[in-house]
């Protein structure tokens, strides 16, 4: 691994961390595309690596800041986390059996749909 590669990975991590703390995104929306376009990963590699980053408590400091301000509902978070684990397991079983090109298209459509809903929302 070269120094340039380490620097690029560090920049991806910092950008994902900043956006995670700022607007609650980082994994799929930031890391996956950056790993594909700047590191040459395929869709499966990028998704697997992004999920691996999230295994460790990388967002603990950001959660602490939101918690201090009263913006964390632990009960809701616990329920979502439990079912996130279940959904993540079954989603990954599906993903590893989908062709890389198709998976990339599914990913792009989801991003476009979510972005469109947020842009057009009246709230």
PDB file of N, CA and C in Angstrom:
ATOM      1  N   UNK A   1       0.852  -1.169   0.000  1.00  0.00           N
ATOM      2  CA  UNK A   1       0.000   0.000   0.000  1.00  0.00           C
ATOM      3  C   UNK A   1       0.903   1.239   0.000  1.00  0.00           C
ATOM      4  N   UNK A   2       0.669   2.127  -0.948  1.00  0.00           N
ATOM      5  CA  UNK A   2       1.498   3.318  -1.086  1.00  0.00           C
ATOM      6  C   UNK A   2       1.015   4.436  -0.162  1.00  0.00           C
ATOM      7  N   UNK A   3       1.869   5.426   0.010  1.00  0.00           N
ATOM      8  CA  UNK A   3       1.512   6.584   0.831  1.00  0.00           C
ATOM      9  C   UNK A   3       0.323   7.327   0.210  1.00  0.00           C
ATOM     10  N   UNK A   4       0.290   7.411  -1.123  1.00  0.00           N
ATOM     11  CA  UNK A   4      -0.835   8.078  -1.796  1.00  0.00           C
ATOM     12  C   UNK A   4      -2.140   7.342  -1.551  1.00  0.00           C
ATOM     13  N   UNK A   5      -2.084   6.009  -1.556  1.00  0.00           N
ATOM     14  CA  UNK A   5      -3.283   5.215  -1.316  1.00  0.00           C
ATOM     15  C   UNK A   5      -3.772   5.423   0.115  1.00  0.00           C
ATOM     16  N   UNK A   6      -2.851   5.454   1.063  1.00  0.00           N
ATOM     17  CA  UNK A   6      -3.212   5.691   2.469  1.00  0.00           C
ATOM     18  C   UNK A   6      -3.833   7.075   2.623  1.00  0.00           C
ATOM     19  N   UNK A   7      -3.259   8.066   1.966  1.00  0.00           N
ATOM     20  CA  UNK A   7      -3.797   9.426   2.019  1.00  0.00           C
ATOM     21  C   UNK A   7      -5.205   9.477   1.425  1.00  0.00           C
ATOM     22  N   UNK A   8      -5.411   8.813   0.301  1.00  0.00           N
ATOM     23  CA  UNK A   8      -6.726   8.795  -0.328  1.00  0.00           C
ATOM     24  C   UNK A   8      -7.750   8.107   0.572  1.00  0.00           C
ATOM     25  N   UNK A   9      -7.373   6.987   1.186  1.00  0.00           N
ATOM     26  CA  UNK A   9      -8.268   6.299   2.114  1.00  0.00           C
ATOM     27  C   UNK A   9      -8.583   7.174   3.327  1.00  0.00           C
ATOM     28  N   UNK A  10      -7.573   7.903   3.810  1.00  0.00           N
ATOM     29  CA  UNK A  10      -7.789   8.806   4.944  1.00  0.00           C
ATOM     30  C   UNK A  10      -8.767   9.920   4.565  1.00  0.00           C
ATOM     31  N   UNK A  11      -8.625  10.452   3.359  1.00  0.00           N
ATOM     32  CA  UNK A  11      -9.541  11.505   2.900  1.00  0.00           C
ATOM     33  C   UNK A  11     -10.968  10.978   2.758  1.00  0.00           C
ATOM     34  N   UNK A  12     -11.109   9.772   2.247  1.00  0.00           N
ATOM     35  CA  UNK A  12     -12.438   9.164   2.149  1.00  0.00           C
ATOM     36  C   UNK A  12     -13.030   9.022   3.550  1.00  0.00           C
ATOM     37  N   UNK A  13     -12.229   8.557   4.500  1.00  0.00           N
ATOM     38  CA  UNK A  13     -12.696   8.399   5.872  1.00  0.00           C
ATOM     39  C   UNK A  13     -13.103   9.714   6.512  1.00  0.00           C
ATOM     40  N   UNK A  14     -12.293  10.746   6.324  1.00  0.00           N
ATOM     41  CA  UNK A  14     -12.597  12.059   6.901  1.00  0.00           C
ATOM     42  C   UNK A  14     -13.870  12.629   6.280  1.00  0.00           C
ATOM     43  N   UNK A  15     -13.978  12.551   4.964  1.00  0.00           N
ATOM     44  CA  UNK A  15     -15.166  13.071   4.288  1.00  0.00           C
ATOM     45  C   UNK A  15     -16.419  12.321   4.747  1.00  0.00           C
ATOM     46  N   UNK A  16     -16.340  10.997   4.799  1.00  0.00           N
ATOM     47  CA  UNK A  16     -17.486  10.204   5.257  1.00  0.00           C
ATOM     48  C   UNK A  16     -17.820  10.542   6.706  1.00  0.00           C
ATOM     49  N   UNK A  17     -16.805  10.736   7.532  1.00  0.00           N
ATOM     50  CA  UNK A  17     -17.033  11.086   8.933  1.00  0.00           C
ATOM     51  C   UNK A  17     -17.682  12.450   9.090  1.00  0.00           C
ATOM     52  N   UNK A  18     -17.182  13.426   8.355  1.00  0.00           N
ATOM     53  CA  UNK A  18     -17.755  14.780   8.426  1.00  0.00           C
ATOM     54  C   UNK A  18     -19.215  14.759   7.978  1.00  0.00           C
ATOM     55  N   UNK A  19     -19.488  14.112   6.847  1.00  0.00           N
ATOM     56  CA  UNK A  19     -20.859  14.074   6.350  1.00  0.00           C
ATOM     57  C   UNK A  19     -21.763  13.225   7.239  1.00  0.00           C
ATOM     58  N   UNK A  20     -21.212  12.206   7.869  1.00  0.00           N
ATOM     59  CA  UNK A  20     -21.990  11.401   8.804  1.00  0.00           C
ATOM     60  C   UNK A  20     -22.418  12.241   9.996  1.00  0.00           C
ATOM     61  N   UNK A  21     -21.482  12.979  10.555  1.00  0.00           N
ATOM     62  CA  UNK A  21     -21.804  13.841  11.684  1.00  0.00           C
ATOM     63  C   UNK A  21     -22.692  15.014  11.300  1.00  0.00           C
ATOM     64  N   UNK A  22     -22.493  15.538  10.096  1.00  0.00           N
ATOM     65  CA  UNK A  22     -23.222  16.723   9.645  1.00  0.00           C
ATOM     66  C   UNK A  22     -24.663  16.410   9.245  1.00  0.00           C
ATOM     67  N   UNK A  23     -24.843  15.408   8.395  1.00  0.00           N
ATOM     68  CA  UNK A  23     -26.184  15.134   7.881  1.00  0.00           C
ATOM     69  C   UNK A  23     -26.603  13.665   7.998  1.00  0.00           C
ATOM     70  N   UNK A  24     -25.829  12.851   8.701  1.00  0.00           N
ATOM     71  CA  UNK A  24     -26.222  11.468   8.952  1.00  0.00           C
ATOM     72  C   UNK A  24     -25.949  10.495   7.822  1.00  0.00           C
ATOM     73  N   UNK A  25     -25.097  10.861   6.873  1.00  0.00           N
ATOM     74  CA  UNK A  25     -24.723   9.942   5.791  1.00  0.00           C
ATOM     75  C   UNK A  25     -23.222   9.734   5.808  1.00  0.00           C
ATOM     76  N   UNK A  26     -22.770   8.686   5.220  1.00  0.00           N
ATOM     77  CA  UNK A  26     -21.330   8.444   5.185  1.00  0.00           C
ATOM     78  C   UNK A  26     -20.982   7.132   4.536  1.00  0.00           C
ATOM     79  N   UNK A  27     -21.642   6.064   4.958  1.00  0.00           N
ATOM     80  CA  UNK A  27     -21.313   4.733   4.446  1.00  0.00           C
ATOM     81  C   UNK A  27     -21.619   4.579   2.978  1.00  0.00           C
ATOM     82  N   UNK A  28     -22.848   4.229   2.693  1.00  0.00           N
ATOM     83  CA  UNK A  28     -23.224   3.960   1.318  1.00  0.00           C
ATOM     84  C   UNK A  28     -23.160   5.160   0.408  1.00  0.00           C
ATOM     85  N   UNK A  29     -23.629   6.271   0.873  1.00  0.00           N
ATOM     86  CA  UNK A  29     -23.737   7.441   0.004  1.00  0.00           C
ATOM     87  C   UNK A  29     -22.386   8.071  -0.296  1.00  0.00           C
ATOM     88  N   UNK A  30     -21.448   7.994   0.626  1.00  0.00           N
ATOM     89  CA  UNK A  30     -20.148   8.630   0.416  1.00  0.00           C
ATOM     90  C   UNK A  30     -19.065   7.607   0.102  1.00  0.00           C
ATOM     91  N   UNK A  31     -18.872   6.654   0.995  1.00  0.00           N
ATOM     92  CA  UNK A  31     -17.756   5.721   0.832  1.00  0.00           C
ATOM     93  C   UNK A  31     -17.879   4.834  -0.398  1.00  0.00           C
ATOM     94  N   UNK A  32     -19.061   4.307  -0.664  1.00  0.00           N
ATOM     95  CA  UNK A  32     -19.202   3.374  -1.785  1.00  0.00           C
ATOM     96  C   UNK A  32     -18.806   4.026  -3.115  1.00  0.00           C
ATOM     97  N   UNK A  33     -19.383   5.175  -3.485  1.00  0.00           N
ATOM     98  CA  UNK A  33     -18.961   5.778  -4.754  1.00  0.00           C
ATOM     99  C   UNK A  33     -17.480   6.166  -4.781  1.00  0.00           C
ATOM    100  N   UNK A  34     -16.973   6.689  -3.680  1.00  0.00           N
ATOM    101  CA  UNK A  34     -15.563   7.091  -3.669  1.00  0.00           C
ATOM    102  C   UNK A  34     -14.624   5.890  -3.793  1.00  0.00           C
ATOM    103  N   UNK A  35     -14.963   4.787  -3.154  1.00  0.00           N
ATOM    104  CA  UNK A  35     -14.140   3.578  -3.279  1.00  0.00           C
ATOM    105  C   UNK A  35     -14.181   3.033  -4.706  1.00  0.00           C
ATOM    106  N   UNK A  36     -15.315   3.170  -5.366  1.00  0.00           N
ATOM    107  CA  UNK A  36     -15.424   2.705  -6.746  1.00  0.00           C
ATOM    108  C   UNK A  36     -14.617   3.598  -7.684  1.00  0.00           C
ATOM    109  N   UNK A  37     -14.832   4.894  -7.590  1.00  0.00           N
ATOM    110  CA  UNK A  37     -14.242   5.790  -8.582  1.00  0.00           C
ATOM    111  C   UNK A  37     -12.805   6.207  -8.303  1.00  0.00           C
ATOM    112  N   UNK A  38     -12.392   6.193  -7.052  1.00  0.00           N
ATOM    113  CA  UNK A  38     -11.022   6.610  -6.759  1.00  0.00           C
ATOM    114  C   UNK A  38     -10.097   5.469  -6.376  1.00  0.00           C
ATOM    115  N   UNK A  39     -10.664   4.355  -5.912  1.00  0.00           N
ATOM    116  CA  UNK A  39      -9.833   3.226  -5.503  1.00  0.00           C
ATOM    117  C   UNK A  39      -9.954   2.044  -6.452  1.00  0.00           C
ATOM    118  N   UNK A  40     -10.867   2.118  -7.405  1.00  0.00           N
ATOM    119  CA  UNK A  40     -11.013   1.051  -8.385  1.00  0.00           C
ATOM    120  C   UNK A  40     -11.740  -0.189  -7.870  1.00  0.00           C
ATOM    121  N   UNK A  41     -12.469  -0.057  -6.773  1.00  0.00           N
ATOM    122  CA  UNK A  41     -13.225  -1.191  -6.240  1.00  0.00           C
ATOM    123  C   UNK A  41     -14.402  -1.491  -7.157  1.00  0.00           C
ATOM    124  N   UNK A  42     -14.860  -2.746  -7.160  1.00  0.00           N
ATOM    125  CA  UNK A  42     -16.133  -3.015  -7.814  1.00  0.00           C
ATOM    126  C   UNK A  42     -17.235  -2.764  -6.782  1.00  0.00           C
ATOM    127  N   UNK A  43     -18.487  -2.836  -7.213  1.00  0.00           N
ATOM    128  CA  UNK A  43     -19.610  -2.504  -6.330  1.00  0.00           C
ATOM    129  C   UNK A  43     -19.628  -3.390  -5.084  1.00  0.00           C
ATOM    130  N   UNK A  44     -19.416  -4.689  -5.262  1.00  0.00           N
ATOM    131  CA  UNK A  44     -19.419  -5.603  -4.115  1.00  0.00           C
ATOM    132  C   UNK A  44     -18.306  -5.271  -3.124  1.00  0.00           C
ATOM    133  N   UNK A  45     -17.102  -5.015  -3.633  1.00  0.00           N
ATOM    134  CA  UNK A  45     -15.974  -4.676  -2.755  1.00  0.00           C
ATOM    135  C   UNK A  45     -16.244  -3.385  -1.989  1.00  0.00           C
ATOM    136  N   UNK A  46     -16.784  -2.391  -2.688  1.00  0.00           N
ATOM    137  CA  UNK A  46     -17.055  -1.100  -2.048  1.00  0.00           C
ATOM    138  C   UNK A  46     -18.110  -1.245  -0.956  1.00  0.00           C
ATOM    139  N   UNK A  47     -19.166  -1.986  -1.244  1.00  0.00           N
ATOM    140  CA  UNK A  47     -20.215  -2.171  -0.245  1.00  0.00           C
ATOM    141  C   UNK A  47     -19.693  -2.958   0.954  1.00  0.00           C
ATOM    142  N   UNK A  48     -18.951  -4.014   0.696  1.00  0.00           N
ATOM    143  CA  UNK A  48     -18.403  -4.816   1.790  1.00  0.00           C
ATOM    144  C   UNK A  48     -17.440  -4.027   2.655  1.00  0.00           C
ATOM    145  N   UNK A  49     -16.593  -3.226   2.016  1.00  0.00           N
ATOM    146  CA  UNK A  49     -15.630  -2.418   2.770  1.00  0.00           C
ATOM    147  C   UNK A  49     -16.346  -1.343   3.578  1.00  0.00           C
ATOM    148  N   UNK A  50     -17.334  -0.687   2.967  1.00  0.00           N
ATOM    149  CA  UNK A  50     -18.099   0.342   3.667  1.00  0.00           C
ATOM    150  C   UNK A  50     -18.793  -0.236   4.893  1.00  0.00           C
ATOM    151  N   UNK A  51     -19.407  -1.394   4.751  1.00  0.00           N
ATOM    152  CA  UNK A  51     -20.074  -2.034   5.888  1.00  0.00           C
ATOM    153  C   UNK A  51     -19.072  -2.432   6.969  1.00  0.00           C
ATOM    154  N   UNK A  52     -17.884  -2.871   6.557  1.00  0.00           N
ATOM    155  CA  UNK A  52     -16.855  -3.250   7.520  1.00  0.00           C
ATOM    156  C   UNK A  52     -16.423  -2.057   8.363  1.00  0.00           C
ATOM    157  N   UNK A  53     -16.313  -0.902   7.741  1.00  0.00           N
ATOM    158  CA  UNK A  53     -15.955   0.316   8.477  1.00  0.00           C
ATOM    159  C   UNK A  53     -16.968   0.580   9.581  1.00  0.00           C
ATOM    160  N   UNK A  54     -18.226   0.305   9.303  1.00  0.00           N
ATOM    161  CA  UNK A  54     -19.292   0.602  10.256  1.00  0.00           C
ATOM    162  C   UNK A  54     -19.403  -0.418  11.387  1.00  0.00           C
ATOM    163  N   UNK A  55     -18.661  -1.531  11.298  1.00  0.00           N
ATOM    164  CA  UNK A  55     -18.710  -2.553  12.346  1.00  0.00           C
ATOM    165  C   UNK A  55     -18.185  -1.997  13.663  1.00  0.00           C
ATOM    166  N   UNK A  56     -17.118  -1.267  13.596  1.00  0.00           N
ATOM    167  CA  UNK A  56     -16.564  -0.669  14.816  1.00  0.00           C
ATOM    168  C   UNK A  56     -17.338   0.606  15.133  1.00  0.00           C
ATOM    169  N   UNK A  57     -17.302   1.055  16.365  1.00  0.00           N
ATOM    170  CA  UNK A  57     -18.110   2.235  16.735  1.00  0.00           C
ATOM    171  C   UNK A  57     -17.537   3.552  16.199  1.00  0.00           C
ATOM    172  N   UNK A  58     -17.492   3.667  14.865  1.00  0.00           N
ATOM    173  CA  UNK A  58     -16.891   4.855  14.255  1.00  0.00           C
ATOM    174  C   UNK A  58     -17.705   6.116  14.473  1.00  0.00           C
ATOM    175  N   UNK A  59     -18.971   5.980  14.748  1.00  0.00           N
ATOM    176  CA  UNK A  59     -19.806   7.170  14.918  1.00  0.00           C
ATOM    177  C   UNK A  59     -20.021   7.553  16.381  1.00  0.00           C
ATOM    178  N   UNK A  60     -19.331   6.896  17.290  1.00  0.00           N
ATOM    179  CA  UNK A  60     -19.553   7.123  18.726  1.00  0.00           C
ATOM    180  C   UNK A  60     -19.397   8.595  19.124  1.00  0.00           C
ATOM    181  N   UNK A  61     -18.384   9.263  18.609  1.00  0.00           N
ATOM    182  CA  UNK A  61     -18.172  10.670  18.976  1.00  0.00           C
ATOM    183  C   UNK A  61     -19.311  11.547  18.464  1.00  0.00           C
ATOM    184  N   UNK A  62     -19.777  11.275  17.247  1.00  0.00           N
ATOM    185  CA  UNK A  62     -20.889  12.053  16.697  1.00  0.00           C
ATOM    186  C   UNK A  62     -22.176  11.781  17.490  1.00  0.00           C
ATOM    187  N   UNK A  63     -22.412  10.518  17.827  1.00  0.00           N
ATOM    188  CA  UNK A  63     -23.587  10.172  18.624  1.00  0.00           C
ATOM    189  C   UNK A  63     -23.537  10.895  19.966  1.00  0.00           C
ATOM    190  N   UNK A  64     -22.383  10.947  20.568  1.00  0.00           N
ATOM    191  CA  UNK A  64     -22.231  11.632  21.858  1.00  0.00           C
ATOM    192  C   UNK A  64     -22.647  13.096  21.759  1.00  0.00           C
ATOM    193  N   UNK A  65     -22.230  13.781  20.695  1.00  0.00           N
ATOM    194  CA  UNK A  65     -22.612  15.188  20.516  1.00  0.00           C
ATOM    195  C   UNK A  65     -24.125  15.342  20.364  1.00  0.00           C
ATOM    196  N   UNK A  66     -24.748  14.471  19.570  1.00  0.00           N
ATOM    197  CA  UNK A  66     -26.198  14.537  19.412  1.00  0.00           C
ATOM    198  C   UNK A  66     -26.905  14.190  20.717  1.00  0.00           C
ATOM    199  N   UNK A  67     -26.383  13.219  21.440  1.00  0.00           N
ATOM    200  CA  UNK A  67     -26.965  12.815  22.735  1.00  0.00           C
ATOM    201  C   UNK A  67     -26.912  13.969  23.735  1.00  0.00           C
ATOM    202  N   UNK A  68     -25.770  14.655  23.815  1.00  0.00           N
ATOM    203  CA  UNK A  68     -25.630  15.788  24.739  1.00  0.00           C
ATOM    204  C   UNK A  68     -26.669  16.862  24.484  1.00  0.00           C
ATOM    205  N   UNK A  69     -27.060  17.019  23.233  1.00  0.00           N
ATOM    206  CA  UNK A  69     -28.037  18.045  22.863  1.00  0.00           C
ATOM    207  C   UNK A  69     -29.473  17.535  22.946  1.00  0.00           C
ATOM    208  N   UNK A  70     -29.643  16.261  23.333  1.00  0.00           N
ATOM    209  CA  UNK A  70     -30.978  15.702  23.486  1.00  0.00           C
ATOM    210  C   UNK A  70     -31.608  15.191  22.204  1.00  0.00           C
ATOM    211  N   UNK A  71     -30.796  14.859  21.216  1.00  0.00           N
ATOM    212  CA  UNK A  71     -31.315  14.445  19.922  1.00  0.00           C
ATOM    213  C   UNK A  71     -31.214  12.943  19.662  1.00  0.00           C
ATOM    214  N   UNK A  72     -31.110  12.122  20.695  1.00  0.00           N
ATOM    215  CA  UNK A  72     -31.029  10.668  20.512  1.00  0.00           C
ATOM    216  C   UNK A  72     -32.154  10.000  21.283  1.00  0.00           C
ATOM    217  N   UNK A  73     -32.925   9.173  20.600  1.00  0.00           N
ATOM    218  CA  UNK A  73     -33.941   8.365  21.259  1.00  0.00           C
ATOM    219  C   UNK A  73     -33.407   6.929  21.260  1.00  0.00           C
ATOM    220  N   UNK A  74     -32.871   6.509  22.404  1.00  0.00           N
ATOM    221  CA  UNK A  74     -32.210   5.212  22.525  1.00  0.00           C
ATOM    222  C   UNK A  74     -33.163   4.056  22.255  1.00  0.00           C
ATOM    223  N   UNK A  75     -34.425   4.191  22.652  1.00  0.00           N
ATOM    224  CA  UNK A  75     -35.388   3.107  22.428  1.00  0.00           C
ATOM    225  C   UNK A  75     -35.605   2.882  20.943  1.00  0.00           C
ATOM    226  N   UNK A  76     -35.832   3.944  20.209  1.00  0.00           N
ATOM    227  CA  UNK A  76     -36.043   3.815  18.771  1.00  0.00           C
ATOM    228  C   UNK A  76     -34.776   3.290  18.099  1.00  0.00           C
ATOM    229  N   UNK A  77     -33.635   3.826  18.502  1.00  0.00           N
ATOM    230  CA  UNK A  77     -32.365   3.400  17.920  1.00  0.00           C
ATOM    231  C   UNK A  77     -32.121   1.909  18.143  1.00  0.00           C
ATOM    232  N   UNK A  78     -32.452   1.398  19.332  1.00  0.00           N
ATOM    233  CA  UNK A  78     -32.232  -0.018  19.642  1.00  0.00           C
ATOM    234  C   UNK A  78     -33.099  -0.913  18.759  1.00  0.00           C
ATOM    235  N   UNK A  79     -34.363  -0.518  18.564  1.00  0.00           N
ATOM    236  CA  UNK A  79     -35.259  -1.312  17.721  1.00  0.00           C
ATOM    237  C   UNK A  79     -34.776  -1.295  16.270  1.00  0.00           C
ATOM    238  N   UNK A  80     -34.442  -0.107  15.778  1.00  0.00           N
ATOM    239  CA  UNK A  80     -33.945   0.006  14.408  1.00  0.00           C
ATOM    240  C   UNK A  80     -32.668  -0.809  14.247  1.00  0.00           C
ATOM    241  N   UNK A  81     -31.746  -0.717  15.209  1.00  0.00           N
ATOM    242  CA  UNK A  81     -30.469  -1.435  15.122  1.00  0.00           C
ATOM    243  C   UNK A  81     -30.686  -2.941  15.065  1.00  0.00           C
ATOM    244  N   UNK A  82     -31.579  -3.448  15.885  1.00  0.00           N
ATOM    245  CA  UNK A  82     -31.861  -4.886  15.887  1.00  0.00           C
ATOM    246  C   UNK A  82     -32.319  -5.345  14.504  1.00  0.00           C
ATOM    247  N   UNK A  83     -33.263  -4.625  13.940  1.00  0.00           N
ATOM    248  CA  UNK A  83     -33.788  -5.030  12.644  1.00  0.00           C
ATOM    249  C   UNK A  83     -32.848  -4.667  11.497  1.00  0.00           C
ATOM    250  N   UNK A  84     -31.978  -3.697  11.709  1.00  0.00           N
ATOM    251  CA  UNK A  84     -30.936  -3.365  10.743  1.00  0.00           C
ATOM    252  C   UNK A  84     -29.998  -4.558  10.588  1.00  0.00           C
ATOM    253  N   UNK A  85     -29.650  -5.188  11.699  1.00  0.00           N
ATOM    254  CA  UNK A  85     -28.784  -6.372  11.671  1.00  0.00           C
ATOM    255  C   UNK A  85     -29.456  -7.484  10.857  1.00  0.00           C
ATOM    256  N   UNK A  86     -30.719  -7.714  11.124  1.00  0.00           N
ATOM    257  CA  UNK A  86     -31.452  -8.761  10.397  1.00  0.00           C
ATOM    258  C   UNK A  86     -31.546  -8.415   8.911  1.00  0.00           C
ATOM    259  N   UNK A  87     -31.953  -7.186   8.613  1.00  0.00           N
ATOM    260  CA  UNK A  87     -32.058  -6.749   7.222  1.00  0.00           C
ATOM    261  C   UNK A  87     -30.715  -6.757   6.518  1.00  0.00           C
ATOM    262  N   UNK A  88     -29.675  -6.328   7.216  1.00  0.00           N
ATOM    263  CA  UNK A  88     -28.335  -6.322   6.634  1.00  0.00           C
ATOM    264  C   UNK A  88     -27.862  -7.716   6.264  1.00  0.00           C
ATOM    265  N   UNK A  89     -28.187  -8.677   7.109  1.00  0.00           N
ATOM    266  CA  UNK A  89     -27.802 -10.061   6.837  1.00  0.00           C
ATOM    267  C   UNK A  89     -28.463 -10.549   5.551  1.00  0.00           C
ATOM    268  N   UNK A  90     -29.786 -10.387   5.467  1.00  0.00           N
ATOM    269  CA  UNK A  90     -30.504 -10.879   4.293  1.00  0.00           C
ATOM    270  C   UNK A  90     -30.196 -10.049   3.049  1.00  0.00           C
ATOM    271  N   UNK A  91     -30.024  -8.745   3.213  1.00  0.00           N
ATOM    272  CA  UNK A  91     -29.671  -7.900   2.073  1.00  0.00           C
ATOM    273  C   UNK A  91     -28.313  -8.263   1.493  1.00  0.00           C
ATOM    274  N   UNK A  92     -27.359  -8.566   2.365  1.00  0.00           N
ATOM    275  CA  UNK A  92     -26.027  -8.935   1.880  1.00  0.00           C
ATOM    276  C   UNK A  92     -26.057 -10.298   1.191  1.00  0.00           C
ATOM    277  N   UNK A  93     -26.897 -11.221   1.681  1.00  0.00           N
ATOM    278  CA  UNK A  93     -27.039 -12.530   1.016  1.00  0.00           C
ATOM    279  C   UNK A  93     -27.562 -12.332  -0.406  1.00  0.00           C
ATOM    280  N   UNK A  94     -28.493 -11.404  -0.573  1.00  0.00           N
ATOM    281  CA  UNK A  94     -29.003 -11.087  -1.906  1.00  0.00           C
ATOM    282  C   UNK A  94     -27.929 -10.414  -2.766  1.00  0.00           C
ATOM    283  N   UNK A  95     -27.272  -9.418  -2.201  1.00  0.00           N
ATOM    284  CA  UNK A  95     -26.319  -8.595  -2.957  1.00  0.00           C
ATOM    285  C   UNK A  95     -25.169  -9.406  -3.545  1.00  0.00           C
ATOM    286  N   UNK A  96     -24.643 -10.340  -2.788  1.00  0.00           N
ATOM    287  CA  UNK A  96     -23.486 -11.088  -3.293  1.00  0.00           C
ATOM    288  C   UNK A  96     -23.857 -12.006  -4.453  1.00  0.00           C
ATOM    289  N   UNK A  97     -25.151 -12.195  -4.682  1.00  0.00           N
ATOM    290  CA  UNK A  97     -25.610 -13.026  -5.796  1.00  0.00           C
ATOM    291  C   UNK A  97     -26.137 -12.214  -6.976  1.00  0.00           C
ATOM    292  N   UNK A  98     -26.065 -10.899  -6.879  1.00  0.00           N
ATOM    293  CA  UNK A  98     -26.514 -10.028  -7.969  1.00  0.00           C
ATOM    294  C   UNK A  98     -25.288  -9.577  -8.746  1.00  0.00           C
ATOM    295  N   UNK A  99     -25.421  -9.559 -10.061  1.00  0.00           N
ATOM    296  CA  UNK A  99     -24.341  -9.096 -10.929  1.00  0.00           C
ATOM    297  C   UNK A  99     -23.922  -7.677 -10.538  1.00  0.00           C
ATOM    298  N   UNK A 100     -22.620  -7.419 -10.569  1.00  0.00           N
ATOM    299  CA  UNK A 100     -22.050  -6.136 -10.159  1.00  0.00           C
ATOM    300  C   UNK A 100     -22.665  -4.954 -10.900  1.00  0.00           C
ATOM    301  N   UNK A 101     -22.875  -5.096 -12.215  1.00  0.00           N
ATOM    302  CA  UNK A 101     -23.461  -4.004 -13.003  1.00  0.00           C
ATOM    303  C   UNK A 101     -24.895  -3.711 -12.549  1.00  0.00           C
ATOM    304  N   UNK A 102     -25.661  -4.761 -12.324  1.00  0.00           N
ATOM    305  CA  UNK A 102     -27.045  -4.583 -11.886  1.00  0.00           C
ATOM    306  C   UNK A 102     -27.085  -3.981 -10.490  1.00  0.00           C
ATOM    307  N   UNK A 103     -26.209  -4.429  -9.613  1.00  0.00           N
ATOM    308  CA  UNK A 103     -26.154  -3.907  -8.254  1.00  0.00           C
ATOM    309  C   UNK A 103     -25.834  -2.413  -8.258  1.00  0.00           C
ATOM    310  N   UNK A 104     -24.924  -2.009  -9.122  1.00  0.00           N
ATOM    311  CA  UNK A 104     -24.571  -0.590  -9.243  1.00  0.00           C
ATOM    312  C   UNK A 104     -25.776   0.225  -9.710  1.00  0.00           C
ATOM    313  N   UNK A 105     -26.551  -0.312 -10.626  1.00  0.00           N
ATOM    314  CA  UNK A 105     -27.739   0.385 -11.114  1.00  0.00           C
ATOM    315  C   UNK A 105     -28.800   0.496 -10.015  1.00  0.00           C
ATOM    316  N   UNK A 106     -28.990  -0.571  -9.268  1.00  0.00           N
ATOM    317  CA  UNK A 106     -29.942  -0.537  -8.146  1.00  0.00           C
ATOM    318  C   UNK A 106     -29.522   0.534  -7.149  1.00  0.00           C
ATOM    319  N   UNK A 107     -28.233   0.565  -6.825  1.00  0.00           N
ATOM    320  CA  UNK A 107     -27.678   1.554  -5.898  1.00  0.00           C
ATOM    321  C   UNK A 107     -27.952   2.970  -6.410  1.00  0.00           C
ATOM    322  N   UNK A 108     -27.696   3.213  -7.689  1.00  0.00           N
ATOM    323  CA  UNK A 108     -27.891   4.541  -8.276  1.00  0.00           C
ATOM    324  C   UNK A 108     -29.358   4.958  -8.242  1.00  0.00           C
ATOM    325  N   UNK A 109     -30.259   4.046  -8.559  1.00  0.00           N
ATOM    326  CA  UNK A 109     -31.691   4.366  -8.553  1.00  0.00           C
ATOM    327  C   UNK A 109     -32.145   4.735  -7.145  1.00  0.00           C
ATOM    328  N   UNK A 110     -31.665   4.008  -6.148  1.00  0.00           N
ATOM    329  CA  UNK A 110     -32.030   4.320  -4.763  1.00  0.00           C
ATOM    330  C   UNK A 110     -31.535   5.713  -4.383  1.00  0.00           C
ATOM    331  N   UNK A 111     -30.298   6.042  -4.749  1.00  0.00           N
ATOM    332  CA  UNK A 111     -29.765   7.376  -4.450  1.00  0.00           C
ATOM    333  C   UNK A 111     -30.595   8.463  -5.129  1.00  0.00           C
ATOM    334  N   UNK A 112     -30.933   8.255  -6.394  1.00  0.00           N
ATOM    335  CA  UNK A 112     -31.723   9.249  -7.137  1.00  0.00           C
ATOM    336  C   UNK A 112     -33.107   9.410  -6.512  1.00  0.00           C
ATOM    337  N   UNK A 113     -33.737   8.286  -6.166  1.00  0.00           N
ATOM    338  CA  UNK A 113     -35.068   8.326  -5.568  1.00  0.00           C
ATOM    339  C   UNK A 113     -35.046   9.102  -4.249  1.00  0.00           C
ATOM    340  N   UNK A 114     -34.105   8.774  -3.379  1.00  0.00           N
ATOM    341  CA  UNK A 114     -34.027   9.444  -2.074  1.00  0.00           C
ATOM    342  C   UNK A 114     -33.726  10.931  -2.255  1.00  0.00           C
ATOM    343  N   UNK A 115     -32.786  11.245  -3.132  1.00  0.00           N
ATOM    344  CA  UNK A 115     -32.451  12.648  -3.384  1.00  0.00           C
ATOM    345  C   UNK A 115     -33.655  13.411  -3.927  1.00  0.00           C
ATOM    346  N   UNK A 116     -34.384  12.804  -4.850  1.00  0.00           N
ATOM    347  CA  UNK A 116     -35.571  13.451  -5.415  1.00  0.00           C
ATOM    348  C   UNK A 116     -36.631  13.714  -4.363  1.00  0.00           C
ATOM    349  N   UNK A 117     -36.896  12.714  -3.528  1.00  0.00           N
ATOM    350  CA  UNK A 117     -37.880  12.879  -2.451  1.00  0.00           C
ATOM    351  C   UNK A 117     -37.478  14.013  -1.507  1.00  0.00           C
ATOM    352  N   UNK A 118     -36.200  14.087  -1.177  1.00  0.00           N
ATOM    353  CA  UNK A 118     -35.741  15.137  -0.251  1.00  0.00           C
ATOM    354  C   UNK A 118     -35.816  16.510  -0.900  1.00  0.00           C
ATOM    355  N   UNK A 119     -35.431  16.596  -2.157  1.00  0.00           N
ATOM    356  CA  UNK A 119     -35.461  17.884  -2.855  1.00  0.00           C
ATOM    357  C   UNK A 119     -36.886  18.401  -3.044  1.00  0.00           C
ATOM    358  N   UNK A 120     -37.822  17.510  -3.318  1.00  0.00           N
ATOM    359  CA  UNK A 120     -39.196  17.913  -3.602  1.00  0.00           C
ATOM    360  C   UNK A 120     -40.095  17.959  -2.372  1.00  0.00           C
ATOM    361  N   UNK A 121     -39.574  17.551  -1.236  1.00  0.00           N
ATOM    362  CA  UNK A 121     -40.357  17.539   0.000  1.00  0.00           C
ATOM    363  C   UNK A 121     -40.683  18.961   0.450  1.00  0.00           C
ATOM    364  N   UNK A 122     -41.880  19.145   0.964  1.00  0.00           N
ATOM    365  CA  UNK A 122     -42.286  20.464   1.451  1.00  0.00           C
ATOM    366  C   UNK A 122     -41.858  20.705   2.901  1.00  0.00           C
ATOM    367  N   UNK A 123     -41.342  19.684   3.558  1.00  0.00           N
ATOM    368  CA  UNK A 123     -40.915  19.819   4.973  1.00  0.00           C
ATOM    369  C   UNK A 123     -39.509  20.323   5.064  1.00  0.00           C
TER     370      UNK A 123
END
